[in-house]
C-alpha atoms as a PDB file:
ATOM      1  CA  MET A   1      76.097  60.400  91.313  1.00  0.00           C
ATOM      2  CA  LEU A   2      79.232  60.026  93.447  1.00  0.00           C
ATOM      3  CA  ALA A   3      81.409  61.298  90.582  1.00  0.00           C
ATOM      4  CA  VAL A   4      79.232  64.435  90.282  1.00  0.00           C
ATOM      5  CA  LEU A   5      79.498  65.045  94.019  1.00  0.00           C
ATOM      6  CA  VAL A   6      83.301  64.623  93.966  1.00  0.00           C
ATOM      7  CA  LEU A   7      83.541  66.998  90.993  1.00  0.00           C
ATOM      8  CA  LEU A   8      81.369  69.563  92.746  1.00  0.00           C
ATOM      9  CA  VAL A   9      83.515  69.398  95.899  1.00  0.00           C
ATOM     10  CA  ALA A  10      86.705  69.725  93.810  1.00  0.00           C
ATOM     11  CA  VAL A  11      85.320  72.799  92.034  1.00  0.00           C
ATOM     12  CA  LEU A  12      84.304  74.396  95.333  1.00  0.00           C
ATOM     13  CA  VAL A  13      87.702  73.711  96.913  1.00  0.00           C
ATOM     14  CA  GLY A  14      89.472  75.097  93.824  1.00  0.00           C
ATOM     15  CA  TRP A  15      87.311  78.221  93.789  1.00  0.00           C
ATOM     16  CA  GLU A  16      87.877  78.802  97.494  1.00  0.00           C
ATOM     17  CA  ALA A  17      91.644  78.361  97.097  1.00  0.00           C
ATOM     18  CA  HIS A  18      91.688  80.907  94.259  1.00  0.00           C
ATOM     19  CA  ARG A  19      89.634  83.388  96.289  1.00  0.00           C
ATOM     20  CA  GLU A  20      91.893  82.930  99.333  1.00  0.00           C
ATOM     21  CA  LEU A  21      95.068  83.487  97.295  1.00  0.00           C
ATOM     22  CA  SER A  22      93.593  86.582  95.663  1.00  0.00           C
ATOM     23  CA  LEU A  23      92.684  88.094  99.057  1.00  0.00           C
ATOM     24  CA  ASP A  24      96.074  87.157 100.532  1.00  0.00           C
ATOM     25  CA  HIS A  25      97.835  88.855  97.606  1.00  0.00           C
ATOM     26  CA  ARG A  26      95.766  92.025  97.930  1.00  0.00           C
ATOM     27  CA  LEU A  27      96.212  92.302 101.689  1.00  0.00           C
ATOM     28  CA  SER A  28      99.926  91.468 101.408  1.00  0.00           C
ATOM     29  CA  GLY A  29     100.387  94.513  99.185  1.00  0.00           C
ATOM     30  CA  VAL A  30      98.748  96.742 101.797  1.00  0.00           C
ATOM     31  CA  ALA A  31     100.736  95.220 104.667  1.00  0.00           C
ATOM     32  CA  SER A  32     104.004  95.544 102.719  1.00  0.00           C
ATOM     33  CA  GLU A  33     103.375  99.241 102.205  1.00  0.00           C
ATOM     34  CA  ILE A  34     102.791  99.787 105.936  1.00  0.00           C
ATOM     35  CA  ALA A  35     105.654  97.519 107.028  1.00  0.00           C
ATOM     36  CA  GLY A  36     108.093  99.126 104.597  1.00  0.00           C
ATOM     37  CA  ARG A  37     109.238  95.778 103.261  1.00  0.00           C
ATOM     38  CA  PRO A  38     107.823  92.816 101.332  1.00  0.00           C
ATOM     39  CA  VAL A  39     105.611  90.793 103.680  1.00  0.00           C
ATOM     40  CA  SER A  40     102.729  88.356 103.391  1.00  0.00           C
ATOM     41  CA  VAL A  41      99.249  88.115 104.840  1.00  0.00           C
ATOM     42  CA  ASP A  42      97.833  84.651 105.354  1.00  0.00           C
ATOM     43  CA  CYS A  43      94.071  84.230 105.582  1.00  0.00           C
ATOM     44  CA  PRO A  44      92.700  80.792 106.346  1.00  0.00           C
ATOM     45  CA  GLY A  45      90.497  79.403 103.607  1.00  0.00           C
ATOM     46  CA  PHE A  46      87.222  77.642 104.180  1.00  0.00           C
ATOM     47  CA  LEU A  47      88.694  74.363 105.418  1.00  0.00           C
ATOM     48  CA  ARG A  48      91.275  75.934 107.749  1.00  0.00           C
ATOM     49  CA  GLY A  49      88.632  78.429 108.820  1.00  0.00           C
ATOM     50  CA  LEU A  50      86.525  75.613 110.221  1.00  0.00           C
ATOM     51  CA  ILE A  51      89.141  75.010 112.927  1.00  0.00           C
ATOM     52  CA  ASP A  52      90.161  78.660 113.412  1.00  0.00           C
ATOM     53  CA  LEU A  53      89.131  79.414 116.989  1.00  0.00           C
ATOM     54  CA  GLY A  54      90.175  83.054 116.665  1.00  0.00           C
ATOM     55  CA  GLY A  55      90.282  85.548 119.453  1.00  0.00           C
ATOM     56  CA  SER A  56      93.417  87.525 118.718  1.00  0.00           C
ATOM     57  CA  GLY A  57      92.617  89.066 115.338  1.00  0.00           C
ATOM     58  CA  GLY A  58      96.035  88.228 113.981  1.00  0.00           C
ATOM     59  CA  SER A  59      99.571  87.290 114.898  1.00  0.00           C
ATOM     60  CA  VAL A  60     103.187  87.801 113.903  1.00  0.00           C
ATOM     61  CA  MET A  61     105.957  85.623 115.291  1.00  0.00           C
ATOM     62  CA  PHE A  62     109.283  87.110 116.465  1.00  0.00           C
ATOM     63  CA  ASP A  63     112.503  85.133 116.735  1.00  0.00           C
ATOM     64  CA  ALA A  64     114.812  85.108 119.766  1.00  0.00           C
ATOM     65  CA  ASN A  65     116.619  88.194 118.429  1.00  0.00           C
ATOM     66  CA  GLY A  66     113.400  90.186 118.067  1.00  0.00           C
ATOM     67  CA  LYS A  67     113.235  89.843 114.289  1.00  0.00           C
ATOM     68  CA  PRO A  68     109.674  89.510 112.957  1.00  0.00           C
ATOM     69  CA  SER A  69     108.627  86.809 110.541  1.00  0.00           C
ATOM     70  CA  ASN A  70     107.630  87.795 107.026  1.00  0.00           C
ATOM     71  CA  THR A  71     104.018  86.701 107.458  1.00  0.00           C
ATOM     72  CA  THR A  72     101.054  87.654 109.570  1.00  0.00           C
ATOM     73  CA  HIS A  73      98.290  85.121 110.093  1.00  0.00           C
ATOM     74  CA  LEU A  74      94.865  86.750 110.347  1.00  0.00           C
ATOM     75  CA  GLU A  75      91.863  84.983 111.811  1.00  0.00           C
ATOM     76  CA  THR A  76      88.934  83.970 109.644  1.00  0.00           C
ATOM     77  CA  SER A  77      86.484  86.637 110.796  1.00  0.00           C
ATOM     78  CA  VAL A  78      88.990  89.450 110.203  1.00  0.00           C
ATOM     79  CA  CYS A  79      89.754  88.154 106.713  1.00  0.00           C
ATOM     80  CA  HIS A  80      86.055  87.894 105.963  1.00  0.00           C
ATOM     81  CA  ASP A  81      85.449  91.481 107.073  1.00  0.00           C
ATOM     82  CA  LEU A  82      88.452  92.732 105.070  1.00  0.00           C
ATOM     83  CA  SER A  83      87.191  90.848 102.016  1.00  0.00           C
ATOM     84  CA  ASP A  84      83.761  92.470 102.454  1.00  0.00           C
ATOM     85  CA  TYR A  85      85.122  95.938 103.259  1.00  0.00           C
ATOM     86  CA  GLY A  86      84.348  97.361  99.813  1.00  0.00           C
ATOM     87  CA  ALA A  87      80.727  96.225  99.975  1.00  0.00           C
ATOM     88  CA  THR A  88      80.317  97.301 103.622  1.00  0.00           C
ATOM     89  CA  ARG A  89      81.602 100.827 103.015  1.00  0.00           C
ATOM     90  CA  LYS A  90      79.067 101.293 100.202  1.00  0.00           C
ATOM     91  CA  ARG A  91      76.160 100.750 102.562  1.00  0.00           C
ATOM     92  CA  ALA A  92      74.361 103.852 103.831  1.00  0.00           C
ATOM     93  CA  GLU A  93      74.990 102.810 107.439  1.00  0.00           C
ATOM     94  CA  PHE A  94      78.760 103.196 106.920  1.00  0.00           C
ATOM     95  CA  SER A  95      78.399 106.984 107.137  1.00  0.00           C
ATOM     96  CA  CYS A  96      78.260 106.579 110.921  1.00  0.00           C
ATOM     97  CA  VAL A  97      82.091 106.363 110.918  1.00  0.00           C
ATOM     98  CA  PHE A  98      82.027 110.148 110.636  1.00  0.00           C
ATOM     99  CA  GLY A  99      80.636 110.235 114.180  1.00  0.00           C
ATOM    100  CA  THR A 100      81.734 109.244 117.647  1.00  0.00           C
ATOM    101  CA  THR A 101      78.954 106.856 118.603  1.00  0.00           C
ATOM    102  CA  PRO A 102      79.001 103.096 117.942  1.00  0.00           C
ATOM    103  CA  CYS A 103      77.913 101.952 114.478  1.00  0.00           C
ATOM    104  CA  SER A 104      76.155  98.741 113.510  1.00  0.00           C
ATOM    105  CA  ASP A 105      77.932  95.475 114.264  1.00  0.00           C
ATOM    106  CA  ARG A 106      78.805  95.023 110.584  1.00  0.00           C
ATOM    107  CA  VAL A 107      80.421  98.466 110.328  1.00  0.00           C
ATOM    108  CA  GLU A 108      82.283  98.108 113.624  1.00  0.00           C
ATOM    109  CA  ARG A 109      83.648  94.742 112.474  1.00  0.00           C
ATOM    110  CA  ALA A 110      84.874  96.367 109.249  1.00  0.00           C
ATOM    111  CA  VAL A 111      86.581  99.184 111.172  1.00  0.00           C
ATOM    112  CA  TYR A 112      88.160  96.673 113.561  1.00  0.00           C
ATOM    113  CA  ALA A 113      89.396  94.510 110.665  1.00  0.00           C
ATOM    114  CA  VAL A 114      91.154  97.519 109.131  1.00  0.00           C
ATOM    115  CA  LEU A 115      92.793  98.223 112.491  1.00  0.00           C
ATOM    116  CA  VAL A 116      93.937  94.595 112.812  1.00  0.00           C
ATOM    117  CA  LEU A 117      95.631  94.672 109.391  1.00  0.00           C
ATOM    118  CA  SER A 118      97.280  97.968 110.311  1.00  0.00           C
ATOM    119  CA  HIS A 119      98.329  96.633 113.744  1.00  0.00           C
ATOM    120  CA  GLU A 120      99.818  93.385 112.449  1.00  0.00           C
ATOM    121  CA  SER A 121     101.669  95.378 109.770  1.00  0.00           C
ATOM    122  CA  GLN A 122     103.351  97.301 112.592  1.00  0.00           C
ATOM    123  CA  HIS A 123     104.553  94.015 114.058  1.00  0.00           C
ATOM    124  CA  LEU A 124     105.858  93.050 110.604  1.00  0.00           C
ATOM    125  CA  ARG A 125     107.692  96.389 110.643  1.00  0.00           C
ATOM    126  CA  GLY A 126     109.491  95.173 113.765  1.00  0.00           C
ATOM    127  CA  VAL A 127     107.435  96.722 116.579  1.00  0.00           C
ATOM    128  CA  GLN A 128     107.111  94.120 119.342  1.00  0.00           C
ATOM    129  CA  SER A 129     105.180  96.063 121.988  1.00  0.00           C
ATOM    130  CA  GLU A 130     101.428  95.645 121.620  1.00  0.00           C
ATOM    131  CA  ALA A 131     100.798  99.149 122.957  1.00  0.00           C
ATOM    132  CA  ASP A 132     103.295 100.796 120.586  1.00  0.00           C
ATOM    133  CA  ALA A 133     102.031  98.734 117.653  1.00  0.00           C
ATOM    134  CA  GLN A 134      98.499  99.864 118.499  1.00  0.00           C
ATOM    135  CA  CYS A 135      99.572 103.503 118.557  1.00  0.00           C
ATOM    136  CA  TYR A 136     101.306 103.256 115.192  1.00  0.00           C
ATOM    137  CA  ALA A 137      98.409 101.213 113.800  1.00  0.00           C
ATOM    138  CA  ILE A 138      95.872 103.904 114.633  1.00  0.00           C
ATOM    139  CA  GLN A 139      98.038 106.375 112.734  1.00  0.00           C
ATOM    140  CA  THR A 140      98.115 104.164 109.628  1.00  0.00           C
ATOM    141  CA  VAL A 141      94.499 102.987 109.698  1.00  0.00           C
ATOM    142  CA  ALA A 142      93.537 105.701 107.212  1.00  0.00           C
ATOM    143  CA  ARG A 143      96.174 104.501 104.731  1.00  0.00           C
ATOM    144  CA  VAL A 144      94.928 100.938 105.057  1.00  0.00           C
ATOM    145  CA  ALA A 145      91.288 102.008 104.637  1.00  0.00           C
ATOM    146  CA  GLU A 146      92.223 103.973 101.504  1.00  0.00           C
ATOM    147  CA  ARG A 147      94.002 100.962 100.010  1.00  0.00           C
ATOM    148  CA  LEU A 148      90.860  98.943 100.667  1.00  0.00           C
ATOM    149  CA  GLY A 149      88.666 101.430  98.786  1.00  0.00           C
ATOM    150  CA  SER A 150      87.740 104.319 101.071  1.00  0.00           C
ATOM    151  CA  PRO A 151      88.188 107.851  99.710  1.00  0.00           C
ATOM    152  CA  PRO A 152      90.592 109.989 101.824  1.00  0.00           C
ATOM    153  CA  ALA A 153      87.976 111.783 103.953  1.00  0.00           C
ATOM    154  CA  GLU A 154      86.211 108.524 104.767  1.00  0.00           C
ATOM    155  CA  ALA A 155      89.533 106.797 105.502  1.00  0.00           C
ATOM    156  CA  ARG A 156      90.462 109.541 107.980  1.00  0.00           C
ATOM    157  CA  ALA A 157      87.005 109.195 109.555  1.00  0.00           C
ATOM    158  CA  VAL A 158      87.560 105.452 110.006  1.00  0.00           C
ATOM    159  CA  ALA A 159      90.773 106.182 111.937  1.00  0.00           C
ATOM    160  CA  ALA A 160      89.165 108.881 114.088  1.00  0.00           C
ATOM    161  CA  HIS A 161      86.127 106.659 114.722  1.00  0.00           C
ATOM    162  CA  PHE A 162      88.270 103.758 115.901  1.00  0.00           C
ATOM    163  CA  LEU A 163      90.260 106.036 118.196  1.00  0.00           C
ATOM    164  CA  ALA A 164      87.127 107.567 119.747  1.00  0.00           C
ATOM    165  CA  VAL A 165      84.774 104.575 119.868  1.00  0.00           C
ATOM    166  CA  ASP A 166      86.704 101.310 119.753  1.00  0.00           C
ATOM    167  CA  GLU A 167      90.112 102.006 121.299  1.00  0.00           C
ATOM    168  CA  PRO A 168      88.642 102.633 124.785  1.00  0.00           C
ATOM    169  CA  LEU A 169      87.181  99.105 124.662  1.00  0.00           C
ATOM    170  CA  MET A 170      90.470  97.377 123.811  1.00  0.00           C
ATOM    171  CA  PRO A 171      92.240  95.097 126.335  1.00  0.00           C
ATOM    172  CA  THR A 172      94.826  96.688 128.642  1.00  0.00           C
ATOM    173  CA  ASP A 173      97.776  95.386 126.590  1.00  0.00           C
ATOM    174  CA  TYR A 174      96.564  97.614 123.745  1.00  0.00           C
ATOM    175  CA  SER A 175      96.153 100.762 125.840  1.00  0.00           C
ATOM    176  CA  LEU A 176      97.838 103.700 124.171  1.00  0.00           C
ATOM    177  CA  PRO A 177     101.129 104.828 125.773  1.00  0.00           C
ATOM    178  CA  ASP A 178     101.634 108.384 127.020  1.00  0.00           C
ATOM    179  CA  GLY A 179     103.631 109.316 123.898  1.00  0.00           C
ATOM    180  CA  CYS A 180     100.732 108.353 121.645  1.00  0.00           C
ATOM    181  CA  VAL A 181      99.414 111.873 121.120  1.00  0.00           C
ATOM    182  CA  ASP A 182      99.749 114.614 118.533  1.00  0.00           C
ATOM    183  CA  GLY A 183     103.415 115.644 118.665  1.00  0.00           C
ATOM    184  CA  GLY A 184     104.264 112.894 121.166  1.00  0.00           C
ATOM    185  CA  SER A 185     107.213 110.536 121.051  1.00  0.00           C
ATOM    186  CA  LEU A 186     105.193 107.949 119.077  1.00  0.00           C
ATOM    187  CA  ASP A 187     103.757 110.421 116.556  1.00  0.00           C
ATOM    188  CA  LEU A 188     104.756 109.109 113.109  1.00  0.00           C
ATOM    189  CA  ASP A 189     104.386 112.566 111.579  1.00  0.00           C
ATOM    190  CA  PRO A 190     105.162 115.155 114.267  1.00  0.00           C
ATOM    191  CA  GLN A 191     105.240 117.963 111.680  1.00  0.00           C
ATOM    192  CA  SER A 192     101.510 117.476 111.044  1.00  0.00           C
ATOM    193  CA  SER A 193      98.698 118.357 113.433  1.00  0.00           C
ATOM    194  CA  SER A 194      96.234 116.065 111.672  1.00  0.00           C
ATOM    195  CA  TRP A 195      96.132 113.475 114.454  1.00  0.00           C
ATOM    196  CA  PRO A 196      95.838 110.537 114.186  1.00  0.00           C
ATOM    197  CA  THR A 197      96.247 110.411 110.413  1.00  0.00           C
ATOM    198  CA  GLY A 198      99.497 112.363 110.044  1.00  0.00           C
END
């Protein structure tokens, strides 16, 4: 009986490790595209997730010279919502992202998770300021959503929805700077008037 239990635990741990590595690899590809260089995304697996207190969404360390590390560590809930993004966006309730009123908790978590991946990718790109990273992140949310499975129109809606519904609720450190407007100093694509998606 004990041998069966040990085997079952070993299989579960192995399966979870494979699933974690697969998600990390997928998200790393998205983050690398946004950061403009090869970077890694680290999601805690089941065991590490048990002690993940969360609260920040994700993190990127900078050295004393302002150089970012090559890895962002995302919290368990964000990784879970990114992993489930494909299934969440197929639900009828996801159509609410085309509006400017709050969606269900599940949909809002999915939208937030996309923003977190986009935001941490800006830090990996070398942006230290939380406010600037947030501004750039909002402009690349649509690209991230597309890479996670949203068609272009839906991806743009996710970005616009976050900007209208969720950004006003963010902590002060993430408040958008004055230049974070169409044609402003932080506009990644000033030639386009399709704010915030470029």
